[in-house]
Structure formats: C-alpha cells, structure tokens
Amino acid sequence: MSPRTKKQFAAIRSEKENHIQQTALRLFASRGFESTSVSLIAKEAGISKGLMYNYFESKEELLRKIILGGLGQFMEYLNIEDENNVQKQELIEFIDGNLSVLKQQSDFYKLYFSLSFQPAVFAILEKDMMIIFEQLFGVFTNYYTRKGEENPYVKTRYLLAVFDGIGMHYVIDTENFPLDGVRDMIVDLL
C-alpha cells in the first residue's frame, strides 16, 4: 500500500470537518449552542475531544463555519446579472432556491432562527452576517427603487421579514405548513 498523497489527506480532512460540522449542526439545532459541549460534539462525531481541536479552534469557530456556510448556500441562489437592473425572475429564482434549501436543511434553519434569540451567541456572528445581509438588502432595494416603490428599503425589510417568518413557521410545523402556497404570496410581494 502506497502512502497517501497530499490530495488524499486534504480530502480526508475535508470529509472529517464536514462530518463534525453536520454533527454539531444537529446538536446545536436540537439542544442549543450553549447546552452543547465540545465533548458531546466529539463523542457524537466519533472522535476525541483533542482531535476536535485539530479541526476547529473552538466551539465558536465551529458555529461560525456552520452559519456562514449555510448563509453562503442561501446566497448562491442570488444570481443577479446587473445589480442596477435586477429582474423579477432573478428574485423569484432566489426565493424558490431558498425555499428548496429550507425543506432540505431544516436543522440549519432551526439553529439560524434560534440564534436570533441568543444575543451573546448572535454577537459572535453579527459582523459577518451583516456583510451578507447588506448585499441582500442592496439587491432588493435596487429592485424596488427601479420599480418606483415609495420606500424601497422599508419594502425590502418587510419582504425579508416575511421570508424569515415563513421559515420559522415551516421549521416549527414542517408537516402542516403550506410552503408551496405561501411561496406564491411571497412572489406577489415582488
């Protein structure tokens, strides 16, 4: 058997990091960030606590990677050709893509929404998250400005607050929430 290459080691490391992140995400979403210890994450991931620190400096860094990775996935659906000429169809694709992710990644959204009610934990991520949200606010505000809305920033915040509320209700009652029907109502706000 020949020794592993750097590429193989990198793949193994990436796979292990992803496994740890998925384990932590599940635990953070079900137990809360503060109630989940590094020891528990390591145990559930099938590694030692010491090895855990080989992958992540701290529980806070692990949380940051999880949240910023999830928000990165959220933003992947924001494919705008010209930010000064945002098209309605581009925003519909963003909404549809994220509703699909909401269905597939409900643990991420449970964690994401719970952070809003944990000021000390939210503070760990606030600066990074605001960079992402400011980009989103800019795109929607430009769209509503071009449409001639009286107060495009207020309309943007309203739409995104509705979107957040829909997400919260969906993760609370996944089986009964009429996500597809509500989708059409969000699109009507465009």
N, C-alpha and C. Protein backbone atom coordinates (compact mmCIF):
# COMPACT_ATOMS: atom_id res chain seq x y z
N MET A 1 0.85 -1.18 0.00
CA MET A 1 0.00 0.00 0.00
C MET A 1 0.89 1.24 0.00
N SER A 2 0.66 2.13 -0.93
CA SER A 2 1.49 3.34 -1.02
C SER A 2 0.99 4.42 -0.07
N PRO A 3 1.89 5.31 0.34
CA PRO A 3 1.48 6.39 1.25
C PRO A 3 0.45 7.31 0.57
N ARG A 4 -0.36 7.94 1.40
CA ARG A 4 -1.38 8.85 0.89
C ARG A 4 -0.73 10.11 0.32
N THR A 5 -1.38 10.66 -0.68
CA THR A 5 -0.91 11.91 -1.28
C THR A 5 -1.48 13.09 -0.51
N LYS A 6 -0.95 14.27 -0.77
CA LYS A 6 -1.48 15.48 -0.13
C LYS A 6 -2.95 15.67 -0.48
N LYS A 7 -3.29 15.35 -1.72
CA LYS A 7 -4.67 15.48 -2.16
C LYS A 7 -5.58 14.53 -1.38
N GLN A 8 -5.12 13.31 -1.13
CA GLN A 8 -5.91 12.35 -0.36
C GLN A 8 -6.07 12.82 1.09
N PHE A 9 -4.98 13.34 1.68
CA PHE A 9 -5.06 13.86 3.05
C PHE A 9 -6.05 15.03 3.12
N ALA A 10 -6.01 15.89 2.12
CA ALA A 10 -6.91 17.05 2.10
C ALA A 10 -8.37 16.58 2.00
N ALA A 11 -8.60 15.56 1.19
CA ALA A 11 -9.96 15.02 1.04
C ALA A 11 -10.45 14.40 2.34
N ILE A 12 -9.58 13.67 3.02
CA ILE A 12 -9.93 13.04 4.30
C ILE A 12 -10.24 14.12 5.33
N ARG A 13 -9.40 15.15 5.38
CA ARG A 13 -9.61 16.24 6.33
C ARG A 13 -10.94 16.95 6.06
N SER A 14 -11.20 17.23 4.80
CA SER A 14 -12.44 17.91 4.42
C SER A 14 -13.65 17.06 4.81
N GLU A 15 -13.57 15.77 4.56
CA GLU A 15 -14.67 14.86 4.90
C GLU A 15 -14.90 14.85 6.42
N LYS A 16 -13.83 14.81 7.19
CA LYS A 16 -13.94 14.78 8.66
C LYS A 16 -14.51 16.12 9.17
N GLU A 17 -14.04 17.24 8.61
CA GLU A 17 -14.56 18.55 9.01
C GLU A 17 -16.06 18.63 8.74
N ASN A 18 -16.46 18.15 7.58
CA ASN A 18 -17.88 18.17 7.22
C ASN A 18 -18.69 17.31 8.18
N HIS A 19 -18.15 16.14 8.53
CA HIS A 19 -18.84 15.26 9.48
C HIS A 19 -19.00 15.95 10.84
N ILE A 20 -17.96 16.59 11.30
CA ILE A 20 -18.02 17.31 12.58
C ILE A 20 -19.04 18.44 12.51
N GLN A 21 -19.02 19.18 11.41
CA GLN A 21 -19.97 20.28 11.25
C GLN A 21 -21.41 19.77 11.24
N GLN A 22 -21.67 18.68 10.53
CA GLN A 22 -23.03 18.14 10.47
C GLN A 22 -23.48 17.63 11.84
N THR A 23 -22.55 17.02 12.57
CA THR A 23 -22.86 16.55 13.92
C THR A 23 -23.17 17.74 14.83
N ALA A 24 -22.32 18.76 14.78
CA ALA A 24 -22.53 19.94 15.60
C ALA A 24 -23.83 20.65 15.22
N LEU A 25 -24.10 20.76 13.95
CA LEU A 25 -25.34 21.39 13.49
C LEU A 25 -26.55 20.69 14.09
N ARG A 26 -26.57 19.38 14.01
CA ARG A 26 -27.69 18.61 14.56
C ARG A 26 -27.82 18.85 16.06
N LEU A 27 -26.70 18.84 16.77
CA LEU A 27 -26.74 19.05 18.22
C LEU A 27 -27.11 20.48 18.59
N PHE A 28 -26.51 21.46 17.90
CA PHE A 28 -26.84 22.87 18.17
C PHE A 28 -28.32 23.13 17.91
N ALA A 29 -28.85 22.54 16.83
CA ALA A 29 -30.25 22.77 16.48
C ALA A 29 -31.20 22.13 17.48
N SER A 30 -30.83 20.97 18.01
CA SER A 30 -31.74 20.28 18.93
C SER A 30 -31.54 20.67 20.39
N ARG A 31 -30.30 20.96 20.79
CA ARG A 31 -30.01 21.23 22.20
C ARG A 31 -29.71 22.70 22.49
N GLY A 32 -29.35 23.45 21.46
CA GLY A 32 -28.92 24.83 21.64
C GLY A 32 -27.40 24.92 21.68
N PHE A 33 -26.89 26.07 21.31
CA PHE A 33 -25.44 26.26 21.26
C PHE A 33 -24.82 26.15 22.65
N GLU A 34 -25.36 26.87 23.60
CA GLU A 34 -24.79 26.91 24.96
C GLU A 34 -24.85 25.55 25.64
N SER A 35 -25.87 24.76 25.34
CA SER A 35 -26.05 23.47 26.00
C SER A 35 -25.29 22.33 25.33
N THR A 36 -24.59 22.63 24.27
CA THR A 36 -23.84 21.61 23.55
C THR A 36 -22.35 21.80 23.81
N SER A 37 -21.74 20.84 24.44
CA SER A 37 -20.30 20.94 24.75
C SER A 37 -19.45 20.38 23.61
N VAL A 38 -18.21 20.80 23.58
CA VAL A 38 -17.25 20.26 22.62
C VAL A 38 -17.10 18.76 22.84
N SER A 39 -17.11 18.34 24.10
CA SER A 39 -17.00 16.90 24.41
C SER A 39 -18.14 16.11 23.79
N LEU A 40 -19.36 16.66 23.88
CA LEU A 40 -20.51 15.96 23.30
C LEU A 40 -20.40 15.90 21.78
N ILE A 41 -20.00 17.00 21.16
CA ILE A 41 -19.83 17.02 19.70
C ILE A 41 -18.81 15.96 19.29
N ALA A 42 -17.67 15.94 19.98
CA ALA A 42 -16.61 14.97 19.67
C ALA A 42 -17.13 13.54 19.84
N LYS A 43 -17.82 13.29 20.93
CA LYS A 43 -18.35 11.95 21.19
C LYS A 43 -19.31 11.52 20.09
N GLU A 44 -20.25 12.41 19.76
CA GLU A 44 -21.24 12.08 18.72
C GLU A 44 -20.59 11.94 17.34
N ALA A 45 -19.50 12.65 17.11
CA ALA A 45 -18.80 12.56 15.83
C ALA A 45 -17.85 11.37 15.79
N GLY A 46 -17.65 10.72 16.94
CA GLY A 46 -16.79 9.54 16.99
C GLY A 46 -15.31 9.86 16.98
N ILE A 47 -14.95 11.02 17.56
CA ILE A 47 -13.55 11.41 17.64
C ILE A 47 -13.24 11.86 19.07
N SER A 48 -11.97 12.03 19.38
CA SER A 48 -11.61 12.51 20.71
C SER A 48 -11.77 14.03 20.76
N LYS A 49 -11.93 14.54 21.97
CA LYS A 49 -12.05 15.99 22.16
C LYS A 49 -10.79 16.69 21.66
N GLY A 50 -9.61 16.10 21.92
CA GLY A 50 -8.35 16.69 21.45
C GLY A 50 -8.28 16.77 19.94
N LEU A 51 -8.75 15.72 19.26
CA LEU A 51 -8.74 15.73 17.80
C LEU A 51 -9.71 16.77 17.26
N MET A 52 -10.77 16.98 17.99
CA MET A 52 -11.75 18.00 17.59
C MET A 52 -11.06 19.36 17.44
N TYR A 53 -10.17 19.68 18.38
CA TYR A 53 -9.46 20.96 18.32
C TYR A 53 -8.41 20.99 17.21
N ASN A 54 -8.11 19.85 16.65
CA ASN A 54 -7.23 19.80 15.49
C ASN A 54 -7.96 20.32 14.24
N TYR A 55 -9.27 20.22 14.27
CA TYR A 55 -10.09 20.67 13.14
C TYR A 55 -10.67 22.07 13.34
N PHE A 56 -11.03 22.39 14.58
CA PHE A 56 -11.65 23.69 14.89
C PHE A 56 -11.05 24.23 16.17
N GLU A 57 -10.67 25.50 16.15
CA GLU A 57 -10.05 26.13 17.32
C GLU A 57 -10.96 26.14 18.54
N SER A 58 -12.25 26.32 18.28
CA SER A 58 -13.20 26.49 19.37
C SER A 58 -14.61 26.14 18.89
N LYS A 59 -15.50 26.04 19.84
CA LYS A 59 -16.91 25.81 19.52
C LYS A 59 -17.47 27.00 18.74
N GLU A 60 -16.99 28.20 19.07
CA GLU A 60 -17.44 29.41 18.38
C GLU A 60 -17.01 29.39 16.91
N GLU A 61 -15.78 28.94 16.65
CA GLU A 61 -15.32 28.85 15.26
C GLU A 61 -16.16 27.83 14.50
N LEU A 62 -16.48 26.73 15.14
CA LEU A 62 -17.31 25.71 14.52
C LEU A 62 -18.69 26.28 14.18
N LEU A 63 -19.28 27.01 15.10
CA LEU A 63 -20.57 27.65 14.85
C LEU A 63 -20.46 28.63 13.68
N ARG A 64 -19.41 29.43 13.66
CA ARG A 64 -19.21 30.40 12.59
C ARG A 64 -19.14 29.70 11.23
N LYS A 65 -18.40 28.60 11.15
CA LYS A 65 -18.29 27.86 9.88
C LYS A 65 -19.64 27.32 9.44
N ILE A 66 -20.39 26.81 10.40
CA ILE A 66 -21.71 26.25 10.08
C ILE A 66 -22.64 27.35 9.55
N ILE A 67 -22.73 28.44 10.28
CA ILE A 67 -23.67 29.51 9.91
C ILE A 67 -23.24 30.20 8.62
N LEU A 68 -21.98 30.55 8.51
CA LEU A 68 -21.53 31.24 7.30
C LEU A 68 -21.60 30.32 6.08
N GLY A 69 -21.37 29.02 6.29
CA GLY A 69 -21.53 28.07 5.19
C GLY A 69 -22.98 27.99 4.74
N GLY A 70 -23.89 27.94 5.70
CA GLY A 70 -25.32 27.89 5.37
C GLY A 70 -25.80 29.16 4.69
N LEU A 71 -25.33 30.31 5.18
CA LEU A 71 -25.71 31.57 4.54
C LEU A 71 -25.08 31.70 3.16
N GLY A 72 -23.90 31.13 3.00
CA GLY A 72 -23.28 31.11 1.67
C GLY A 72 -24.13 30.32 0.70
N GLN A 73 -24.67 29.20 1.17
CA GLN A 73 -25.56 28.39 0.34
C GLN A 73 -26.83 29.18 0.02
N PHE A 74 -27.35 29.90 1.00
CA PHE A 74 -28.52 30.76 0.84
C PHE A 74 -28.27 31.78 -0.28
N MET A 75 -27.09 32.39 -0.24
CA MET A 75 -26.76 33.46 -1.20
C MET A 75 -26.40 32.92 -2.59
N GLU A 76 -26.08 31.64 -2.70
CA GLU A 76 -25.76 31.06 -4.01
C GLU A 76 -26.91 31.22 -5.00
N TYR A 77 -28.12 31.34 -4.49
CA TYR A 77 -29.28 31.47 -5.36
C TYR A 77 -29.52 32.91 -5.81
N LEU A 78 -28.70 33.83 -5.32
CA LEU A 78 -28.85 35.23 -5.71
C LEU A 78 -27.95 35.49 -6.91
N ASN A 79 -28.44 35.10 -8.07
CA ASN A 79 -27.68 35.25 -9.32
C ASN A 79 -28.21 36.46 -10.08
N ILE A 80 -27.59 37.59 -9.84
CA ILE A 80 -28.02 38.85 -10.45
C ILE A 80 -27.01 39.26 -11.50
N GLU A 81 -27.47 39.40 -12.73
CA GLU A 81 -26.56 39.80 -13.81
C GLU A 81 -26.12 41.25 -13.67
N ASP A 82 -27.07 42.13 -13.37
CA ASP A 82 -26.78 43.56 -13.29
C ASP A 82 -27.49 44.12 -12.06
N GLU A 83 -26.72 44.44 -11.02
CA GLU A 83 -27.33 44.90 -9.76
C GLU A 83 -28.11 46.21 -9.92
N ASN A 84 -27.85 46.94 -10.98
CA ASN A 84 -28.59 48.18 -11.24
C ASN A 84 -29.85 47.92 -12.05
N ASN A 85 -30.04 46.68 -12.48
CA ASN A 85 -31.21 46.33 -13.27
C ASN A 85 -31.68 44.92 -12.88
N VAL A 86 -32.01 44.77 -11.60
CA VAL A 86 -32.42 43.47 -11.06
C VAL A 86 -33.76 43.09 -11.68
N GLN A 87 -33.84 41.86 -12.13
CA GLN A 87 -35.05 41.37 -12.78
C GLN A 87 -35.89 40.55 -11.80
N LYS A 88 -37.19 40.64 -11.94
CA LYS A 88 -38.11 39.91 -11.06
C LYS A 88 -37.82 38.42 -11.11
N GLN A 89 -37.56 37.86 -12.28
CA GLN A 89 -37.30 36.43 -12.40
C GLN A 89 -36.07 36.01 -11.61
N GLU A 90 -35.07 36.87 -11.53
CA GLU A 90 -33.87 36.57 -10.74
C GLU A 90 -34.23 36.45 -9.26
N LEU A 91 -35.12 37.31 -8.79
CA LEU A 91 -35.55 37.26 -7.39
C LEU A 91 -36.46 36.05 -7.12
N ILE A 92 -37.27 35.69 -8.09
CA ILE A 92 -38.11 34.50 -7.95
C ILE A 92 -37.23 33.26 -7.84
N GLU A 93 -36.18 33.19 -8.65
CA GLU A 93 -35.25 32.05 -8.58
C GLU A 93 -34.55 32.00 -7.22
N PHE A 94 -34.23 33.17 -6.67
CA PHE A 94 -33.63 33.24 -5.33
C PHE A 94 -34.60 32.69 -4.28
N ILE A 95 -35.84 33.12 -4.36
CA ILE A 95 -36.86 32.67 -3.41
C ILE A 95 -37.09 31.16 -3.55
N ASP A 96 -37.28 30.69 -4.78
CA ASP A 96 -37.52 29.26 -5.00
C ASP A 96 -36.35 28.40 -4.53
N GLY A 97 -35.15 28.84 -4.83
CA GLY A 97 -33.96 28.09 -4.41
C GLY A 97 -33.89 27.99 -2.90
N ASN A 98 -34.18 29.07 -2.22
CA ASN A 98 -34.08 29.06 -0.77
C ASN A 98 -35.23 28.33 -0.09
N LEU A 99 -36.38 28.33 -0.70
CA LEU A 99 -37.46 27.51 -0.14
C LEU A 99 -37.11 26.02 -0.28
N SER A 100 -36.45 25.68 -1.36
CA SER A 100 -35.99 24.30 -1.54
C SER A 100 -34.95 23.93 -0.49
N VAL A 101 -34.00 24.84 -0.22
CA VAL A 101 -32.98 24.61 0.80
C VAL A 101 -33.64 24.52 2.18
N LEU A 102 -34.64 25.34 2.43
CA LEU A 102 -35.36 25.30 3.70
C LEU A 102 -35.92 23.90 3.95
N LYS A 103 -36.48 23.29 2.92
CA LYS A 103 -37.03 21.93 3.04
C LYS A 103 -35.92 20.92 3.33
N GLN A 104 -34.78 21.09 2.70
CA GLN A 104 -33.69 20.12 2.82
C GLN A 104 -32.82 20.31 4.05
N GLN A 105 -32.72 21.53 4.55
CA GLN A 105 -31.79 21.86 5.63
C GLN A 105 -32.52 22.43 6.84
N SER A 106 -33.57 21.79 7.28
CA SER A 106 -34.36 22.37 8.36
C SER A 106 -33.56 22.50 9.66
N ASP A 107 -32.59 21.62 9.93
CA ASP A 107 -31.76 21.77 11.13
C ASP A 107 -30.96 23.07 11.08
N PHE A 108 -30.44 23.40 9.91
CA PHE A 108 -29.70 24.66 9.80
C PHE A 108 -30.60 25.83 10.15
N TYR A 109 -31.81 25.84 9.61
CA TYR A 109 -32.71 26.96 9.87
C TYR A 109 -33.20 27.00 11.31
N LYS A 110 -33.37 25.85 11.94
CA LYS A 110 -33.71 25.85 13.36
C LYS A 110 -32.61 26.54 14.15
N LEU A 111 -31.37 26.19 13.85
CA LEU A 111 -30.24 26.83 14.52
C LEU A 111 -30.18 28.31 14.19
N TYR A 112 -30.27 28.65 12.93
CA TYR A 112 -30.19 30.04 12.48
C TYR A 112 -31.23 30.91 13.20
N PHE A 113 -32.47 30.47 13.22
CA PHE A 113 -33.52 31.27 13.85
C PHE A 113 -33.33 31.33 15.36
N SER A 114 -32.87 30.25 15.97
CA SER A 114 -32.67 30.27 17.42
C SER A 114 -31.58 31.25 17.83
N LEU A 115 -30.60 31.47 16.97
CA LEU A 115 -29.52 32.42 17.29
C LEU A 115 -30.04 33.84 17.45
N SER A 116 -31.11 34.15 16.76
CA SER A 116 -31.70 35.50 16.86
C SER A 116 -32.15 35.81 18.28
N PHE A 117 -32.43 34.78 19.04
CA PHE A 117 -32.94 34.95 20.41
C PHE A 117 -31.87 34.68 21.46
N GLN A 118 -30.63 34.63 21.02
CA GLN A 118 -29.50 34.41 21.93
C GLN A 118 -28.47 35.51 21.67
N PRO A 119 -28.68 36.69 22.23
CA PRO A 119 -27.81 37.84 21.91
C PRO A 119 -26.32 37.57 22.07
N ALA A 120 -25.92 36.86 23.09
CA ALA A 120 -24.49 36.61 23.31
C ALA A 120 -23.92 35.73 22.20
N VAL A 121 -24.69 34.77 21.75
CA VAL A 121 -24.23 33.89 20.68
C VAL A 121 -24.31 34.63 19.34
N PHE A 122 -25.39 35.36 19.13
CA PHE A 122 -25.56 36.11 17.89
C PHE A 122 -24.40 37.10 17.70
N ALA A 123 -23.92 37.66 18.79
CA ALA A 123 -22.82 38.63 18.72
C ALA A 123 -21.55 38.02 18.11
N ILE A 124 -21.36 36.72 18.26
CA ILE A 124 -20.21 36.03 17.67
C ILE A 124 -20.23 36.15 16.16
N LEU A 125 -21.42 36.19 15.59
CA LEU A 125 -21.59 36.12 14.13
C LEU A 125 -22.08 37.41 13.49
N GLU A 126 -22.51 38.34 14.29
CA GLU A 126 -23.23 39.52 13.78
C GLU A 126 -22.48 40.25 12.67
N LYS A 127 -21.21 40.53 12.87
CA LYS A 127 -20.46 41.30 11.88
C LYS A 127 -20.41 40.58 10.53
N ASP A 128 -20.10 39.29 10.56
CA ASP A 128 -20.03 38.50 9.32
C ASP A 128 -21.39 38.40 8.64
N MET A 129 -22.43 38.20 9.45
CA MET A 129 -23.77 38.06 8.90
C MET A 129 -24.25 39.37 8.28
N MET A 130 -23.93 40.49 8.89
CA MET A 130 -24.39 41.77 8.36
C MET A 130 -23.77 42.08 6.99
N ILE A 131 -22.56 41.63 6.75
CA ILE A 131 -21.95 41.80 5.43
C ILE A 131 -22.80 41.10 4.37
N ILE A 132 -23.23 39.90 4.69
CA ILE A 132 -24.07 39.14 3.76
C ILE A 132 -25.43 39.80 3.60
N PHE A 133 -26.04 40.20 4.72
CA PHE A 133 -27.37 40.79 4.65
C PHE A 133 -27.37 42.14 3.94
N GLU A 134 -26.31 42.92 4.11
CA GLU A 134 -26.24 44.21 3.42
C GLU A 134 -26.23 44.02 1.91
N GLN A 135 -25.57 42.97 1.43
CA GLN A 135 -25.59 42.67 0.00
C GLN A 135 -27.02 42.34 -0.44
N LEU A 136 -27.69 41.53 0.36
CA LEU A 136 -29.07 41.15 0.05
C LEU A 136 -29.99 42.37 0.07
N PHE A 137 -29.85 43.21 1.11
CA PHE A 137 -30.66 44.43 1.18
C PHE A 137 -30.43 45.31 -0.04
N GLY A 138 -29.18 45.42 -0.47
CA GLY A 138 -28.85 46.25 -1.63
C GLY A 138 -29.54 45.78 -2.89
N VAL A 139 -29.52 44.47 -3.13
CA VAL A 139 -30.13 43.92 -4.34
C VAL A 139 -31.63 44.19 -4.35
N PHE A 140 -32.30 43.88 -3.24
CA PHE A 140 -33.75 44.08 -3.20
C PHE A 140 -34.12 45.56 -3.20
N THR A 141 -33.34 46.38 -2.51
CA THR A 141 -33.62 47.82 -2.51
C THR A 141 -33.47 48.40 -3.91
N ASN A 142 -32.44 47.99 -4.64
CA ASN A 142 -32.27 48.44 -6.03
C ASN A 142 -33.46 48.01 -6.88
N TYR A 143 -33.93 46.80 -6.67
CA TYR A 143 -35.08 46.30 -7.43
C TYR A 143 -36.31 47.16 -7.16
N TYR A 144 -36.60 47.40 -5.87
CA TYR A 144 -37.78 48.18 -5.52
C TYR A 144 -37.64 49.65 -5.92
N THR A 145 -36.43 50.17 -5.91
CA THR A 145 -36.20 51.54 -6.37
C THR A 145 -36.56 51.64 -7.85
N ARG A 146 -36.07 50.71 -8.63
CA ARG A 146 -36.33 50.69 -10.06
C ARG A 146 -37.82 50.52 -10.36
N LYS A 147 -38.52 49.81 -9.48
CA LYS A 147 -39.96 49.61 -9.64
C LYS A 147 -40.76 50.86 -9.26
N GLY A 148 -40.10 51.82 -8.60
CA GLY A 148 -40.78 53.04 -8.21
C GLY A 148 -41.47 52.98 -6.85
N GLU A 149 -41.06 52.02 -6.01
CA GLU A 149 -41.63 51.93 -4.65
C GLU A 149 -41.32 53.22 -3.89
N GLU A 150 -42.27 53.65 -3.08
CA GLU A 150 -42.11 54.89 -2.32
C GLU A 150 -40.96 54.80 -1.31
N ASN A 151 -40.84 53.67 -0.63
CA ASN A 151 -39.76 53.48 0.33
C ASN A 151 -39.16 52.09 0.11
N PRO A 152 -38.22 51.99 -0.83
CA PRO A 152 -37.70 50.67 -1.23
C PRO A 152 -37.01 49.91 -0.11
N TYR A 153 -36.32 50.61 0.80
CA TYR A 153 -35.64 49.91 1.89
C TYR A 153 -36.65 49.30 2.85
N VAL A 154 -37.72 50.03 3.14
CA VAL A 154 -38.76 49.50 4.03
C VAL A 154 -39.43 48.29 3.37
N LYS A 155 -39.71 48.37 2.09
CA LYS A 155 -40.32 47.24 1.36
C LYS A 155 -39.39 46.03 1.39
N THR A 156 -38.08 46.28 1.24
CA THR A 156 -37.09 45.20 1.30
C THR A 156 -37.11 44.52 2.66
N ARG A 157 -37.06 45.32 3.72
CA ARG A 157 -37.05 44.75 5.07
C ARG A 157 -38.35 44.00 5.35
N TYR A 158 -39.45 44.52 4.86
CA TYR A 158 -40.74 43.84 5.03
C TYR A 158 -40.72 42.48 4.35
N LEU A 159 -40.31 42.44 3.09
CA LEU A 159 -40.27 41.18 2.35
C LEU A 159 -39.37 40.16 3.05
N LEU A 160 -38.19 40.59 3.47
CA LEU A 160 -37.25 39.66 4.11
C LEU A 160 -37.74 39.23 5.49
N ALA A 161 -38.47 40.10 6.19
CA ALA A 161 -39.06 39.72 7.47
C ALA A 161 -40.16 38.67 7.26
N VAL A 162 -40.94 38.84 6.20
CA VAL A 162 -41.96 37.85 5.85
C VAL A 162 -41.28 36.52 5.54
N PHE A 163 -40.22 36.58 4.77
CA PHE A 163 -39.47 35.38 4.39
C PHE A 163 -38.94 34.66 5.64
N ASP A 164 -38.38 35.43 6.59
CA ASP A 164 -37.91 34.84 7.85
C ASP A 164 -39.06 34.21 8.62
N GLY A 165 -40.18 34.91 8.69
CA GLY A 165 -41.34 34.38 9.41
C GLY A 165 -41.84 33.08 8.81
N ILE A 166 -41.84 33.01 7.51
CA ILE A 166 -42.24 31.78 6.82
C ILE A 166 -41.29 30.65 7.20
N GLY A 167 -40.00 30.96 7.19
CA GLY A 167 -39.01 29.95 7.57
C GLY A 167 -39.22 29.45 8.98
N MET A 168 -39.47 30.37 9.91
CA MET A 168 -39.70 29.98 11.31
C MET A 168 -40.92 29.08 11.43
N HIS A 169 -41.99 29.48 10.80
CA HIS A 169 -43.21 28.68 10.88
C HIS A 169 -43.01 27.31 10.24
N TYR A 170 -42.27 27.27 9.16
CA TYR A 170 -42.03 25.99 8.49
C TYR A 170 -41.24 25.04 9.39
N VAL A 171 -40.15 25.51 10.01
CA VAL A 171 -39.35 24.59 10.84
C VAL A 171 -40.09 24.18 12.11
N ILE A 172 -41.03 24.97 12.55
CA ILE A 172 -41.83 24.61 13.72
C ILE A 172 -42.87 23.55 13.37
N ASP A 173 -43.45 23.66 12.17
CA ASP A 173 -44.55 22.76 11.77
C ASP A 173 -44.33 22.29 10.33
N THR A 174 -43.25 21.56 10.13
CA THR A 174 -42.85 21.11 8.80
C THR A 174 -43.94 20.31 8.09
N GLU A 175 -44.62 19.47 8.83
CA GLU A 175 -45.61 18.58 8.21
C GLU A 175 -46.85 19.32 7.69
N ASN A 176 -47.25 20.40 8.37
CA ASN A 176 -48.52 21.03 8.03
C ASN A 176 -48.40 22.40 7.36
N PHE A 177 -47.22 22.96 7.36
CA PHE A 177 -47.09 24.32 6.82
C PHE A 177 -47.23 24.30 5.29
N PRO A 178 -48.10 25.15 4.74
CA PRO A 178 -48.35 25.16 3.29
C PRO A 178 -47.29 25.97 2.52
N LEU A 179 -46.07 25.49 2.53
CA LEU A 179 -44.95 26.23 1.97
C LEU A 179 -45.15 26.58 0.50
N ASP A 180 -45.65 25.64 -0.30
CA ASP A 180 -45.82 25.92 -1.73
C ASP A 180 -46.86 27.01 -1.97
N GLY A 181 -47.93 27.01 -1.20
CA GLY A 181 -48.95 28.05 -1.34
C GLY A 181 -48.45 29.40 -0.89
N VAL A 182 -47.67 29.41 0.18
CA VAL A 182 -47.12 30.65 0.70
C VAL A 182 -46.10 31.23 -0.27
N ARG A 183 -45.41 30.36 -0.98
CA ARG A 183 -44.41 30.80 -1.98
C ARG A 183 -45.03 31.79 -2.97
N ASP A 184 -46.23 31.48 -3.44
CA ASP A 184 -46.88 32.36 -4.40
C ASP A 184 -47.18 33.73 -3.79
N MET A 185 -47.49 33.76 -2.51
CA MET A 185 -47.77 35.03 -1.83
C MET A 185 -46.49 35.88 -1.69
N ILE A 186 -45.35 35.20 -1.48
CA ILE A 186 -44.08 35.94 -1.42
C ILE A 186 -43.78 36.56 -2.77
N VAL A 187 -43.97 35.78 -3.81
CA VAL A 187 -43.70 36.28 -5.17
C VAL A 187 -44.60 37.47 -5.48
N ASP A 188 -45.83 37.47 -4.97
CA ASP A 188 -46.73 38.60 -5.19
C ASP A 188 -46.19 39.90 -4.57
N LEU A 189 -45.31 39.77 -3.56
CA LEU A 189 -44.72 40.97 -2.94
C LEU A 189 -43.66 41.60 -3.84
N LEU A 190 -43.25 40.87 -4.85
CA LEU A 190 -42.26 41.42 -5.78
C LEU A 190 -42.96 42.31 -6.77
